């Protein structure tokens, strides 16, 4: 459980802002954050006409690094 908390905490960014959280709290909060990242990725991708389902899954699995990559891609593409 500690390893899962570490992985999810790192991918969500939660481990960097609240490293003192108990593993169970870290896991629950990180999972909620990953769902939020999936929604953000899906919405951003849909506005660009990209595959929103694939980006949503990537956001769910990849967390904050995926959101950052998507934002960079959008910024590089421009309007």
Protein backbone atom coordinates (compact mmCIF):
# COMPACT_ATOMS: atom_id res chain seq x y z
CA UNK A 1 0.00 0.00 0.00
CA UNK A 2 2.89 2.34 0.71
CA UNK A 3 4.34 1.76 -2.77
CA UNK A 4 0.98 2.44 -4.44
CA UNK A 5 0.64 5.62 -2.39
CA UNK A 6 4.11 6.69 -3.49
CA UNK A 7 3.44 6.09 -7.17
CA UNK A 8 0.01 7.72 -7.18
CA UNK A 9 1.21 10.55 -4.99
CA UNK A 10 4.08 11.29 -7.36
CA UNK A 11 2.00 11.11 -10.56
CA UNK A 12 -0.72 13.30 -9.08
CA UNK A 13 1.70 15.84 -7.63
CA UNK A 14 0.20 15.29 -4.18
CA UNK A 15 3.41 13.86 -2.74
CA UNK A 16 5.18 17.16 -3.40
CA UNK A 17 2.60 19.37 -1.70
CA UNK A 18 1.54 17.08 1.16
CA UNK A 19 4.17 14.39 1.79
CA UNK A 20 3.00 13.83 5.38
CA UNK A 21 -0.36 12.29 4.42
CA UNK A 22 -1.13 8.73 5.45
CA UNK A 23 -0.96 6.19 2.59
CA UNK A 24 -4.74 5.55 2.56
CA UNK A 25 -5.49 9.27 2.38
CA UNK A 26 -2.84 9.75 -0.30
CA UNK A 27 -4.33 6.96 -2.43
CA UNK A 28 -7.92 8.23 -2.12
CA UNK A 29 -6.97 11.84 -2.84
CA UNK A 30 -4.62 10.93 -5.70
CA UNK A 31 -7.31 8.81 -7.36
CA UNK A 32 -9.75 11.73 -7.18
CA UNK A 33 -7.08 14.00 -8.64
CA UNK A 34 -6.42 11.55 -11.49
CA UNK A 35 -10.12 11.54 -12.37
CA UNK A 36 -9.96 15.33 -12.46
CA UNK A 37 -6.88 15.21 -14.72
CA UNK A 38 -8.74 12.82 -17.04
CA UNK A 39 -11.65 15.26 -17.32
CA UNK A 40 -9.29 18.18 -17.96
CA UNK A 41 -7.37 16.28 -20.65
CA UNK A 42 -10.54 15.11 -22.31
CA UNK A 43 -12.02 18.61 -22.37
CA UNK A 44 -8.84 20.22 -23.72
CA UNK A 45 -8.45 17.54 -26.40
CA UNK A 46 -12.08 17.82 -27.46
CA UNK A 47 -11.78 21.57 -27.98
CA UNK A 48 -8.87 20.92 -30.36
CA UNK A 49 -10.62 18.10 -32.20
CA UNK A 50 -8.19 15.49 -30.92
CA UNK A 51 -9.11 12.03 -29.66
CA UNK A 52 -10.69 12.99 -26.34
CA UNK A 53 -11.13 9.41 -25.12
CA UNK A 54 -7.44 8.60 -25.59
CA UNK A 55 -6.40 11.82 -23.89
CA UNK A 56 -8.85 11.16 -21.05
CA UNK A 57 -7.38 7.72 -20.44
CA UNK A 58 -3.87 9.17 -20.65
CA UNK A 59 -4.82 11.80 -18.06
CA UNK A 60 -6.29 9.14 -15.79
CA UNK A 61 -3.16 7.01 -15.95
CA UNK A 62 -0.46 9.65 -16.32
CA UNK A 63 -1.72 12.39 -14.03
CA UNK A 64 -0.09 15.79 -13.96
CA UNK A 65 2.72 14.96 -16.44
CA UNK A 66 0.07 14.15 -19.05
CA UNK A 67 -1.80 17.38 -18.41
CA UNK A 68 1.47 19.30 -18.71
CA UNK A 69 2.31 17.56 -21.99
CA UNK A 70 -1.12 18.37 -23.39
CA UNK A 71 -0.84 22.01 -22.40
CA UNK A 72 2.58 22.23 -24.07
CA UNK A 73 1.22 20.62 -27.24
CA UNK A 74 -1.68 23.07 -27.32
CA UNK A 75 0.66 26.02 -26.75
CA UNK A 76 3.00 24.87 -29.52
CA UNK A 77 0.13 24.38 -31.93
CA UNK A 78 -1.30 27.82 -31.27
CA UNK A 79 -4.59 29.02 -32.69
